[in-house]
Amino acid sequence: MQTITVDIINEKALNLLKDLEMLQLIRLRENGEEQIQSVNWQKYKGAMSKQPIEDIELQINELRNSWE
């Protein structure tokens, strides 16, 4: 995927771009809209130790009960 910036001079050009978006050839984004960045999940690998599901459920129930 390639990203470019286009200055719209004529409203007809915007309509043409919207048509291209409907054909799923391009994706339009408004100014200021955050760009989607991929996450490098490898740096998080091993950050949490594996736990048995019973321990996780117990912790979740304890948290839920503390809110009441």
PDB file of N, CA and C in Angstrom:
ATOM      1  N   MET A   1       0.854  -1.174   0.000  1.00  0.00           N
ATOM      2  CA  MET A   1       0.000   0.000   0.000  1.00  0.00           C
ATOM      3  C   MET A   1       0.894   1.228   0.000  1.00  0.00           C
ATOM      4  N   GLN A   2       0.487   2.217  -0.711  1.00  0.00           N
ATOM      5  CA  GLN A   2       1.238   3.460  -0.846  1.00  0.00           C
ATOM      6  C   GLN A   2       0.351   4.616  -0.425  1.00  0.00           C
ATOM      7  N   THR A   3       0.900   5.581   0.306  1.00  0.00           N
ATOM      8  CA  THR A   3       0.137   6.729   0.774  1.00  0.00           C
ATOM      9  C   THR A   3       0.630   7.979   0.076  1.00  0.00           C
ATOM     10  N   ILE A   4      -0.313   8.769  -0.437  1.00  0.00           N
ATOM     11  CA  ILE A   4       0.015  10.048  -1.052  1.00  0.00           C
ATOM     12  C   ILE A   4      -0.944  11.108  -0.533  1.00  0.00           C
ATOM     13  N   THR A   5      -0.546  12.369  -0.660  1.00  0.00           N
ATOM     14  CA  THR A   5      -1.406  13.487  -0.289  1.00  0.00           C
ATOM     15  C   THR A   5      -1.823  14.204  -1.558  1.00  0.00           C
ATOM     16  N   VAL A   6      -3.110  14.503  -1.652  1.00  0.00           N
ATOM     17  CA  VAL A   6      -3.652  15.150  -2.849  1.00  0.00           C
ATOM     18  C   VAL A   6      -4.376  16.418  -2.428  1.00  0.00           C
ATOM     19  N   ASP A   7      -4.123  17.514  -3.108  1.00  0.00           N
ATOM     20  CA  ASP A   7      -4.873  18.748  -2.890  1.00  0.00           C
ATOM     21  C   ASP A   7      -6.023  18.788  -3.881  1.00  0.00           C
ATOM     22  N   ILE A   8      -7.247  18.879  -3.384  1.00  0.00           N
ATOM     23  CA  ILE A   8      -8.439  18.916  -4.235  1.00  0.00           C
ATOM     24  C   ILE A   8      -8.672  20.350  -4.679  1.00  0.00           C
ATOM     25  N   ILE A   9      -8.630  20.564  -5.983  1.00  0.00           N
ATOM     26  CA  ILE A   9      -8.834  21.899  -6.545  1.00  0.00           C
ATOM     27  C   ILE A   9     -10.285  22.085  -6.974  1.00  0.00           C
ATOM     28  N   ASN A  10     -10.897  21.006  -7.440  1.00  0.00           N
ATOM     29  CA  ASN A  10     -12.245  21.073  -7.974  1.00  0.00           C
ATOM     30  C   ASN A  10     -13.090  20.002  -7.298  1.00  0.00           C
ATOM     31  N   GLU A  11     -14.315  20.326  -6.940  1.00  0.00           N
ATOM     32  CA  GLU A  11     -15.218  19.390  -6.265  1.00  0.00           C
ATOM     33  C   GLU A  11     -15.470  18.139  -7.106  1.00  0.00           C
ATOM     34  N   LYS A  12     -15.392  18.252  -8.417  1.00  0.00           N
ATOM     35  CA  LYS A  12     -15.591  17.093  -9.288  1.00  0.00           C
ATOM     36  C   LYS A  12     -14.521  16.039  -9.030  1.00  0.00           C
ATOM     37  N   ALA A  13     -13.320  16.478  -8.710  1.00  0.00           N
ATOM     38  CA  ALA A  13     -12.234  15.538  -8.427  1.00  0.00           C
ATOM     39  C   ALA A  13     -12.544  14.734  -7.165  1.00  0.00           C
ATOM     40  N   LEU A  14     -13.124  15.373  -6.175  1.00  0.00           N
ATOM     41  CA  LEU A  14     -13.490  14.672  -4.948  1.00  0.00           C
ATOM     42  C   LEU A  14     -14.549  13.616  -5.237  1.00  0.00           C
ATOM     43  N   ASN A  15     -15.508  13.945  -6.076  1.00  0.00           N
ATOM     44  CA  ASN A  15     -16.533  12.967  -6.449  1.00  0.00           C
ATOM     45  C   ASN A  15     -15.912  11.772  -7.167  1.00  0.00           C
ATOM     46  N   LEU A  16     -14.927  12.019  -8.025  1.00  0.00           N
ATOM     47  CA  LEU A  16     -14.245  10.923  -8.719  1.00  0.00           C
ATOM     48  C   LEU A  16     -13.489  10.043  -7.718  1.00  0.00           C
ATOM     49  N   LEU A  17     -12.856  10.672  -6.740  1.00  0.00           N
ATOM     50  CA  LEU A  17     -12.136   9.909  -5.725  1.00  0.00           C
ATOM     51  C   LEU A  17     -13.102   9.061  -4.892  1.00  0.00           C
ATOM     52  N   LYS A  18     -14.260   9.612  -4.587  1.00  0.00           N
ATOM     53  CA  LYS A  18     -15.264   8.850  -3.842  1.00  0.00           C
ATOM     54  C   LYS A  18     -15.746   7.650  -4.659  1.00  0.00           C
ATOM     55  N   ASP A  19     -15.867   7.834  -5.969  1.00  0.00           N
ATOM     56  CA  ASP A  19     -16.245   6.713  -6.830  1.00  0.00           C
ATOM     57  C   ASP A  19     -15.171   5.620  -6.800  1.00  0.00           C
ATOM     58  N   LEU A  20     -13.905   6.024  -6.811  1.00  0.00           N
ATOM     59  CA  LEU A  20     -12.817   5.047  -6.740  1.00  0.00           C
ATOM     60  C   LEU A  20     -12.822   4.317  -5.398  1.00  0.00           C
ATOM     61  N   GLU A  21     -13.212   5.032  -4.353  1.00  0.00           N
ATOM     62  CA  GLU A  21     -13.298   4.404  -3.045  1.00  0.00           C
ATOM     63  C   GLU A  21     -14.432   3.375  -3.022  1.00  0.00           C
ATOM     64  N   MET A  22     -15.550   3.679  -3.644  1.00  0.00           N
ATOM     65  CA  MET A  22     -16.668   2.731  -3.700  1.00  0.00           C
ATOM     66  C   MET A  22     -16.282   1.471  -4.475  1.00  0.00           C
ATOM     67  N   LEU A  23     -15.395   1.614  -5.446  1.00  0.00           N
ATOM     68  CA  LEU A  23     -14.916   0.462  -6.206  1.00  0.00           C
ATOM     69  C   LEU A  23     -13.820  -0.289  -5.446  1.00  0.00           C
ATOM     70  N   GLN A  24     -13.508   0.182  -4.248  1.00  0.00           N
ATOM     71  CA  GLN A  24     -12.485  -0.391  -3.374  1.00  0.00           C
ATOM     72  C   GLN A  24     -11.110  -0.403  -4.027  1.00  0.00           C
ATOM     73  N   LEU A  25     -10.831   0.675  -4.777  1.00  0.00           N
ATOM     74  CA  LEU A  25      -9.516   0.846  -5.380  1.00  0.00           C
ATOM     75  C   LEU A  25      -8.624   1.727  -4.517  1.00  0.00           C
ATOM     76  N   ILE A  26      -9.252   2.635  -3.775  1.00  0.00           N
ATOM     77  CA  ILE A  26      -8.519   3.516  -2.872  1.00  0.00           C
ATOM     78  C   ILE A  26      -9.293   3.641  -1.567  1.00  0.00           C
ATOM     79  N   ARG A  27      -8.635   4.214  -0.551  1.00  0.00           N
ATOM     80  CA  ARG A  27      -9.305   4.505   0.716  1.00  0.00           C
ATOM     81  C   ARG A  27      -9.053   5.973   1.019  1.00  0.00           C
ATOM     82  N   LEU A  28     -10.115   6.714   1.274  1.00  0.00           N
ATOM     83  CA  LEU A  28      -9.999   8.125   1.600  1.00  0.00           C
ATOM     84  C   LEU A  28      -9.988   8.307   3.108  1.00  0.00           C
ATOM     85  N   ARG A  29      -9.146   9.232   3.582  1.00  0.00           N
ATOM     86  CA  ARG A  29      -9.101   9.575   5.000  1.00  0.00           C
ATOM     87  C   ARG A  29      -9.170  11.080   5.132  1.00  0.00           C
ATOM     88  N   GLU A  30      -9.848  11.528   6.176  1.00  0.00           N
ATOM     89  CA  GLU A  30      -9.943  12.957   6.448  1.00  0.00           C
ATOM     90  C   GLU A  30      -8.623  13.449   7.029  1.00  0.00           C
ATOM     91  N   ASN A  31      -8.363  14.739   6.919  1.00  0.00           N
ATOM     92  CA  ASN A  31      -7.162  15.322   7.525  1.00  0.00           C
ATOM     93  C   ASN A  31      -7.190  15.091   9.017  1.00  0.00           C
ATOM     94  N   GLY A  32      -6.057  14.766   9.590  1.00  0.00           N
ATOM     95  CA  GLY A  32      -5.955  14.555  11.018  1.00  0.00           C
ATOM     96  C   GLY A  32      -6.321  13.152  11.456  1.00  0.00           C
ATOM     97  N   GLU A  33      -6.872  12.356  10.563  1.00  0.00           N
ATOM     98  CA  GLU A  33      -7.223  10.984  10.910  1.00  0.00           C
ATOM     99  C   GLU A  33      -5.931  10.199  11.092  1.00  0.00           C
ATOM    100  N   GLU A  34      -5.866   9.460  12.176  1.00  0.00           N
ATOM    101  CA  GLU A  34      -4.637   8.734  12.493  1.00  0.00           C
ATOM    102  C   GLU A  34      -4.345   7.683  11.444  1.00  0.00           C
ATOM    103  N   GLN A  35      -3.072   7.558  11.136  1.00  0.00           N
ATOM    104  CA  GLN A  35      -2.654   6.510  10.226  1.00  0.00           C
ATOM    105  C   GLN A  35      -2.518   5.220  11.024  1.00  0.00           C
ATOM    106  N   ILE A  36      -2.951   4.159  10.417  1.00  0.00           N
ATOM    107  CA  ILE A  36      -2.879   2.862  11.070  1.00  0.00           C
ATOM    108  C   ILE A  36      -1.447   2.352  10.955  1.00  0.00           C
ATOM    109  N   GLN A  37      -0.850   2.073  12.092  1.00  0.00           N
ATOM    110  CA  GLN A  37       0.510   1.560  12.103  1.00  0.00           C
ATOM    111  C   GLN A  37       0.483   0.122  12.589  1.00  0.00           C
ATOM    112  N   SER A  38       1.305  -0.697  11.960  1.00  0.00           N
ATOM    113  CA  SER A  38       1.361  -2.079  12.399  1.00  0.00           C
ATOM    114  C   SER A  38       2.151  -2.165  13.699  1.00  0.00           C
ATOM    115  N   VAL A  39       1.790  -3.126  14.509  1.00  0.00           N
ATOM    116  CA  VAL A  39       2.415  -3.307  15.816  1.00  0.00           C
ATOM    117  C   VAL A  39       3.424  -4.436  15.715  1.00  0.00           C
ATOM    118  N   ASN A  40       4.598  -4.205  16.253  1.00  0.00           N
ATOM    119  CA  ASN A  40       5.612  -5.245  16.315  1.00  0.00           C
ATOM    120  C   ASN A  40       5.358  -6.086  17.559  1.00  0.00           C
ATOM    121  N   TRP A  41       4.616  -7.179  17.405  1.00  0.00           N
ATOM    122  CA  TRP A  41       4.223  -7.997  18.538  1.00  0.00           C
ATOM    123  C   TRP A  41       5.392  -8.771  19.112  1.00  0.00           C
ATOM    124  N   GLN A  42       6.473  -8.933  18.360  1.00  0.00           N
ATOM    125  CA  GLN A  42       7.622  -9.693  18.848  1.00  0.00           C
ATOM    126  C   GLN A  42       8.229  -9.078  20.100  1.00  0.00           C
ATOM    127  N   LYS A  43       8.173  -7.752  20.220  1.00  0.00           N
ATOM    128  CA  LYS A  43       8.784  -7.133  21.397  1.00  0.00           C
ATOM    129  C   LYS A  43       7.993  -7.413  22.676  1.00  0.00           C
ATOM    130  N   TYR A  44       6.729  -7.862  22.539  1.00  0.00           N
ATOM    131  CA  TYR A  44       5.907  -8.183  23.700  1.00  0.00           C
ATOM    132  C   TYR A  44       5.935  -9.675  24.039  1.00  0.00           C
ATOM    133  N   LYS A  45       6.544 -10.471  23.176  1.00  0.00           N
ATOM    134  CA  LYS A  45       6.571 -11.919  23.383  1.00  0.00           C
ATOM    135  C   LYS A  45       7.295 -12.237  24.689  1.00  0.00           C
ATOM    136  N   GLY A  46       6.650 -13.006  25.546  1.00  0.00           N
ATOM    137  CA  GLY A  46       7.231 -13.395  26.815  1.00  0.00           C
ATOM    138  C   GLY A  46       7.054 -12.366  27.916  1.00  0.00           C
ATOM    139  N   ALA A  47       6.341 -11.277  27.651  1.00  0.00           N
ATOM    140  CA  ALA A  47       6.155 -10.237  28.666  1.00  0.00           C
ATOM    141  C   ALA A  47       5.270 -10.727  29.802  1.00  0.00           C
ATOM    142  N   MET A  48       4.368 -11.637  29.500  1.00  0.00           N
ATOM    143  CA  MET A  48       3.498 -12.205  30.532  1.00  0.00           C
ATOM    144  C   MET A  48       3.742 -13.707  30.594  1.00  0.00           C
ATOM    145  N   SER A  49       3.782 -14.215  31.799  1.00  0.00           N
ATOM    146  CA  SER A  49       3.968 -15.656  31.947  1.00  0.00           C
ATOM    147  C   SER A  49       2.640 -16.365  31.713  1.00  0.00           C
ATOM    148  N   LYS A  50       2.715 -17.594  31.244  1.00  0.00           N
ATOM    149  CA  LYS A  50       1.506 -18.378  31.017  1.00  0.00           C
ATOM    150  C   LYS A  50       0.924 -18.794  32.358  1.00  0.00           C
ATOM    151  N   GLN A  51      -0.423 -18.721  32.444  1.00  0.00           N
ATOM    152  CA  GLN A  51      -1.119 -19.102  33.663  1.00  0.00           C
ATOM    153  C   GLN A  51      -2.233 -20.073  33.295  1.00  0.00           C
ATOM    154  N   PRO A  52      -2.546 -20.971  34.208  1.00  0.00           N
ATOM    155  CA  PRO A  52      -3.696 -21.854  33.961  1.00  0.00           C
ATOM    156  C   PRO A  52      -4.980 -21.025  33.901  1.00  0.00           C
ATOM    157  N   ILE A  53      -5.931 -21.462  33.104  1.00  0.00           N
ATOM    158  CA  ILE A  53      -7.178 -20.734  32.904  1.00  0.00           C
ATOM    159  C   ILE A  53      -7.935 -20.573  34.218  1.00  0.00           C
ATOM    160  N   GLU A  54      -7.810 -21.545  35.118  1.00  0.00           N
ATOM    161  CA  GLU A  54      -8.509 -21.458  36.410  1.00  0.00           C
ATOM    162  C   GLU A  54      -8.003 -20.255  37.221  1.00  0.00           C
ATOM    163  N   ASP A  55      -6.681 -20.019  37.182  1.00  0.00           N
ATOM    164  CA  ASP A  55      -6.109 -18.876  37.901  1.00  0.00           C
ATOM    165  C   ASP A  55      -6.610 -17.554  37.322  1.00  0.00           C
ATOM    166  N   ILE A  56      -6.693 -17.504  36.014  1.00  0.00           N
ATOM    167  CA  ILE A  56      -7.160 -16.275  35.356  1.00  0.00           C
ATOM    168  C   ILE A  56      -8.623 -16.014  35.712  1.00  0.00           C
ATOM    169  N   GLU A  57      -9.456 -17.053  35.668  1.00  0.00           N
ATOM    170  CA  GLU A  57     -10.871 -16.894  36.018  1.00  0.00           C
ATOM    171  C   GLU A  57     -11.034 -16.457  37.462  1.00  0.00           C
ATOM    172  N   LEU A  58     -10.209 -16.988  38.351  1.00  0.00           N
ATOM    173  CA  LEU A  58     -10.254 -16.605  39.756  1.00  0.00           C
ATOM    174  C   LEU A  58      -9.918 -15.120  39.920  1.00  0.00           C
ATOM    175  N   GLN A  59      -8.889 -14.660  39.219  1.00  0.00           N
ATOM    176  CA  GLN A  59      -8.498 -13.249  39.288  1.00  0.00           C
ATOM    177  C   GLN A  59      -9.596 -12.347  38.733  1.00  0.00           C
ATOM    178  N   ILE A  60     -10.218 -12.762  37.653  1.00  0.00           N
ATOM    179  CA  ILE A  60     -11.306 -11.969  37.055  1.00  0.00           C
ATOM    180  C   ILE A  60     -12.475 -11.870  38.017  1.00  0.00           C
ATOM    181  N   ASN A  61     -12.845 -12.987  38.630  1.00  0.00           N
ATOM    182  CA  ASN A  61     -13.956 -12.981  39.591  1.00  0.00           C
ATOM    183  C   ASN A  61     -13.646 -12.105  40.791  1.00  0.00           C
ATOM    184  N   GLU A  62     -12.396 -12.132  41.267  1.00  0.00           N
ATOM    185  CA  GLU A  62     -12.007 -11.274  42.385  1.00  0.00           C
ATOM    186  C   GLU A  62     -12.140  -9.795  42.009  1.00  0.00           C
ATOM    187  N   LEU A  63     -11.724  -9.457  40.801  1.00  0.00           N
ATOM    188  CA  LEU A  63     -11.856  -8.072  40.342  1.00  0.00           C
ATOM    189  C   LEU A  63     -13.319  -7.656  40.248  1.00  0.00           C
ATOM    190  N   ARG A  64     -14.137  -8.521  39.691  1.00  0.00           N
ATOM    191  CA  ARG A  64     -15.564  -8.216  39.553  1.00  0.00           C
ATOM    192  C   ARG A  64     -16.213  -8.017  40.917  1.00  0.00           C
ATOM    193  N   ASN A  65     -15.870  -8.870  41.867  1.00  0.00           N
ATOM    194  CA  ASN A  65     -16.456  -8.782  43.202  1.00  0.00           C
ATOM    195  C   ASN A  65     -15.997  -7.523  43.936  1.00  0.00           C
ATOM    196  N   SER A  66     -14.804  -7.045  43.638  1.00  0.00           N
ATOM    197  CA  SER A  66     -14.308  -5.841  44.320  1.00  0.00           C
ATOM    198  C   SER A  66     -15.039  -4.589  43.843  1.00  0.00           C
ATOM    199  N   TRP A  67     -15.668  -4.620  42.666  1.00  0.00           N
ATOM    200  CA  TRP A  67     -16.406  -3.462  42.146  1.00  0.00           C
ATOM    201  C   TRP A  67     -17.772  -3.333  42.825  1.00  0.00           C
ATOM    202  N   GLU A  68     -18.276  -4.418  43.354  1.00  0.00           N
ATOM    203  CA  GLU A  68     -19.638  -4.397  43.930  1.00  0.00           C
ATOM    204  C   GLU A  68     -19.646  -3.895  45.336  1.00  0.00           C
TER     205      GLU A  68
END
